[in-house]
Amino acid sequence: RASRCLIGEQDFKSFCRAASAIDKPTCRNLMEVSFATEEVMGEELLVMRVVGSSFLHSMVRTIVGTLVDVGRGKRPEKWVAEALAAKDRAAAGECAPAQGLVFWGVRYE
């Protein structure tokens, strides 16, 4: 539920590396943030799918880290919307480690 506020075109400045956002546009359009369980090599995994027109540096990793904090009960659901509205990198959660995150592909339309 906390991820719903991320859908659509909006400013993701809070979710990118602060230095990479200086004097650059930070609006992006997310079309999908979804979750599913999959079994991979006998292990059940939680798969998070993020679909967008483009992404900022560390944007997806920061979204993952922020949603993990909500999922673990460390932060309330409304915190994600508050972080998004702040347009300040310090407002969002930690950047998730790269281990376990996979860039699945690019599709041009």
C-alpha atoms as a PDB file:
ATOM      1  CA  ARG A   1       0.000   0.000   0.000  1.00  0.00           C
ATOM      2  CA  ALA A   2       2.820   2.413   0.800  1.00  0.00           C
ATOM      3  CA  SER A   3       4.159   2.164  -2.759  1.00  0.00           C
ATOM      4  CA  ARG A   4       0.939   3.418  -4.368  1.00  0.00           C
ATOM      5  CA  CYS A   5       1.894   7.074  -3.929  1.00  0.00           C
ATOM      6  CA  LEU A   6       4.950   6.507  -6.153  1.00  0.00           C
ATOM      7  CA  ILE A   7       2.881   5.742  -9.257  1.00  0.00           C
ATOM      8  CA  GLY A   8       2.605   8.497 -11.859  1.00  0.00           C
ATOM      9  CA  GLU A   9       4.748  11.392 -12.971  1.00  0.00           C
ATOM     10  CA  GLN A  10       6.301  13.249 -10.069  1.00  0.00           C
ATOM     11  CA  ASP A  11       9.498  14.620  -8.621  1.00  0.00           C
ATOM     12  CA  PHE A  12      11.674  11.810  -7.218  1.00  0.00           C
ATOM     13  CA  LYS A  13      14.427  14.074  -5.883  1.00  0.00           C
ATOM     14  CA  SER A  14      14.126  12.443  -2.446  1.00  0.00           C
ATOM     15  CA  PHE A  15      14.898   9.052  -3.992  1.00  0.00           C
ATOM     16  CA  CYS A  16      18.074   9.760  -5.950  1.00  0.00           C
ATOM     17  CA  ARG A  17      21.689  10.395  -5.070  1.00  0.00           C
ATOM     18  CA  ALA A  18      21.733  14.044  -3.928  1.00  0.00           C
ATOM     19  CA  ALA A  19      24.852  15.003  -5.893  1.00  0.00           C
ATOM     20  CA  SER A  20      23.394  13.683  -9.143  1.00  0.00           C
ATOM     21  CA  ALA A  21      20.282  15.885  -8.803  1.00  0.00           C
ATOM     22  CA  ILE A  22      22.062  19.227  -8.736  1.00  0.00           C
ATOM     23  CA  ASP A  23      20.724  21.412 -11.564  1.00  0.00           C
ATOM     24  CA  LYS A  24      19.085  18.424 -13.268  1.00  0.00           C
ATOM     25  CA  PRO A  25      15.439  17.475 -13.728  1.00  0.00           C
ATOM     26  CA  THR A  26      14.256  14.890 -11.201  1.00  0.00           C
ATOM     27  CA  CYS A  27      10.704  14.256 -12.435  1.00  0.00           C
ATOM     28  CA  ARG A  28      10.083  10.715 -13.602  1.00  0.00           C
ATOM     29  CA  ASN A  29       7.037   8.601 -14.457  1.00  0.00           C
ATOM     30  CA  LEU A  30       6.551   5.281 -12.668  1.00  0.00           C
ATOM     31  CA  MET A  31       3.919   3.089 -14.255  1.00  0.00           C
ATOM     32  CA  GLU A  32       4.191   0.124 -11.905  1.00  0.00           C
ATOM     33  CA  VAL A  33       5.489  -0.877  -8.493  1.00  0.00           C
ATOM     34  CA  SER A  34       4.348  -4.410  -7.741  1.00  0.00           C
ATOM     35  CA  PHE A  35       5.290  -7.348  -5.553  1.00  0.00           C
ATOM     36  CA  ALA A  36       5.072 -11.095  -6.073  1.00  0.00           C
ATOM     37  CA  THR A  37       6.627 -14.216  -4.615  1.00  0.00           C
ATOM     38  CA  GLU A  38       8.632 -16.480  -6.887  1.00  0.00           C
ATOM     39  CA  GLU A  39      10.480 -19.693  -6.269  1.00  0.00           C
ATOM     40  CA  VAL A  40      14.031 -19.587  -7.588  1.00  0.00           C
ATOM     41  CA  MET A  41      16.259 -22.637  -7.174  1.00  0.00           C
ATOM     42  CA  GLY A  42      14.040 -23.931  -4.377  1.00  0.00           C
ATOM     43  CA  GLU A  43      14.018 -20.657  -2.452  1.00  0.00           C
ATOM     44  CA  GLU A  44      10.953 -18.435  -2.142  1.00  0.00           C
ATOM     45  CA  LEU A  45      11.807 -14.827  -2.953  1.00  0.00           C
ATOM     46  CA  LEU A  46       9.899 -11.576  -2.857  1.00  0.00           C
ATOM     47  CA  VAL A  47      10.164  -9.910  -6.246  1.00  0.00           C
ATOM     48  CA  MET A  48       9.577  -6.184  -6.548  1.00  0.00           C
ATOM     49  CA  ARG A  49       8.944  -4.924 -10.062  1.00  0.00           C
ATOM     50  CA  VAL A  50       9.455  -1.224 -10.827  1.00  0.00           C
ATOM     51  CA  VAL A  51       8.489  -0.019 -14.284  1.00  0.00           C
ATOM     52  CA  GLY A  52       9.147   3.539 -15.380  1.00  0.00           C
ATOM     53  CA  SER A  53       9.967   5.718 -18.344  1.00  0.00           C
ATOM     54  CA  SER A  54      13.438   6.371 -16.898  1.00  0.00           C
ATOM     55  CA  PHE A  55      15.185   6.348 -13.543  1.00  0.00           C
ATOM     56  CA  LEU A  56      17.487   8.591 -11.541  1.00  0.00           C
ATOM     57  CA  HIS A  57      20.814   7.460 -10.074  1.00  0.00           C
ATOM     58  CA  SER A  58      20.086   5.092  -7.145  1.00  0.00           C
ATOM     59  CA  MET A  59      16.333   5.773  -7.434  1.00  0.00           C
ATOM     60  CA  VAL A  60      15.149   2.161  -7.420  1.00  0.00           C
ATOM     61  CA  ARG A  61      17.570   1.134  -4.673  1.00  0.00           C
ATOM     62  CA  THR A  62      16.327   4.005  -2.494  1.00  0.00           C
ATOM     63  CA  ILE A  63      12.696   3.119  -3.178  1.00  0.00           C
ATOM     64  CA  VAL A  64      13.460  -0.477  -2.165  1.00  0.00           C
ATOM     65  CA  GLY A  65      15.248   0.612   1.027  1.00  0.00           C
ATOM     66  CA  THR A  66      12.396   2.951   1.946  1.00  0.00           C
ATOM     67  CA  LEU A  67       9.701   0.318   1.356  1.00  0.00           C
ATOM     68  CA  VAL A  68      11.681  -2.288   3.325  1.00  0.00           C
ATOM     69  CA  ASP A  69      11.619   0.050   6.343  1.00  0.00           C
ATOM     70  CA  VAL A  70       7.839   0.358   6.002  1.00  0.00           C
ATOM     71  CA  GLY A  71       7.422  -3.387   5.508  1.00  0.00           C
ATOM     72  CA  ARG A  72       9.448  -4.129   8.634  1.00  0.00           C
ATOM     73  CA  GLY A  73       7.306  -1.730  10.646  1.00  0.00           C
ATOM     74  CA  LYS A  74      10.113   0.771  11.253  1.00  0.00           C
ATOM     75  CA  ARG A  75       8.153   3.551   9.531  1.00  0.00           C
ATOM     76  CA  PRO A  76       4.438   4.190   8.861  1.00  0.00           C
ATOM     77  CA  GLU A  77       2.974   3.843   5.356  1.00  0.00           C
ATOM     78  CA  LYS A  78       2.425   7.601   5.054  1.00  0.00           C
ATOM     79  CA  TRP A  79       6.187   8.181   5.395  1.00  0.00           C
ATOM     80  CA  VAL A  80       6.736   7.263   1.724  1.00  0.00           C
ATOM     81  CA  ALA A  81       4.371  10.024   0.544  1.00  0.00           C
ATOM     82  CA  GLU A  82       5.950  12.461   3.002  1.00  0.00           C
ATOM     83  CA  ALA A  83       9.452  11.622   1.729  1.00  0.00           C
ATOM     84  CA  LEU A  84       8.328  12.066  -1.866  1.00  0.00           C
ATOM     85  CA  ALA A  85       6.774  15.466  -1.085  1.00  0.00           C
ATOM     86  CA  ALA A  86       9.898  16.665   0.777  1.00  0.00           C
ATOM     87  CA  LYS A  87      12.064  16.620  -2.371  1.00  0.00           C
ATOM     88  CA  ASP A  88      15.045  16.096  -0.077  1.00  0.00           C
ATOM     89  CA  ARG A  89      17.251  12.987  -0.152  1.00  0.00           C
ATOM     90  CA  ALA A  90      17.520  13.010   3.643  1.00  0.00           C
ATOM     91  CA  ALA A  91      13.739  12.442   3.899  1.00  0.00           C
ATOM     92  CA  ALA A  92      13.743   8.960   2.336  1.00  0.00           C
ATOM     93  CA  GLY A  93      15.198   5.663   3.534  1.00  0.00           C
ATOM     94  CA  GLU A  94      18.608   4.158   3.007  1.00  0.00           C
ATOM     95  CA  CYS A  95      19.753   2.969  -0.368  1.00  0.00           C
ATOM     96  CA  ALA A  96      19.303  -0.812  -0.497  1.00  0.00           C
ATOM     97  CA  PRO A  97      22.487  -2.805  -1.110  1.00  0.00           C
ATOM     98  CA  ALA A  98      23.037  -3.948  -4.670  1.00  0.00           C
ATOM     99  CA  GLN A  99      23.124  -7.635  -3.650  1.00  0.00           C
ATOM    100  CA  GLY A 100      19.862  -9.235  -4.671  1.00  0.00           C
ATOM    101  CA  LEU A 101      18.777  -6.363  -6.921  1.00  0.00           C
ATOM    102  CA  VAL A 102      18.672  -7.232 -10.600  1.00  0.00           C
ATOM    103  CA  PHE A 103      18.285  -4.948 -13.600  1.00  0.00           C
ATOM    104  CA  TRP A 104      15.973  -7.083 -15.679  1.00  0.00           C
ATOM    105  CA  GLY A 105      15.827  -5.211 -18.947  1.00  0.00           C
ATOM    106  CA  VAL A 106      15.011  -2.246 -21.130  1.00  0.00           C
ATOM    107  CA  ARG A 107      12.100  -1.944 -23.517  1.00  0.00           C
ATOM    108  CA  TYR A 108      11.837   0.878 -26.033  1.00  0.00           C
ATOM    109  CA  GLU A 109       8.398   1.806 -27.317  1.00  0.00           C
END
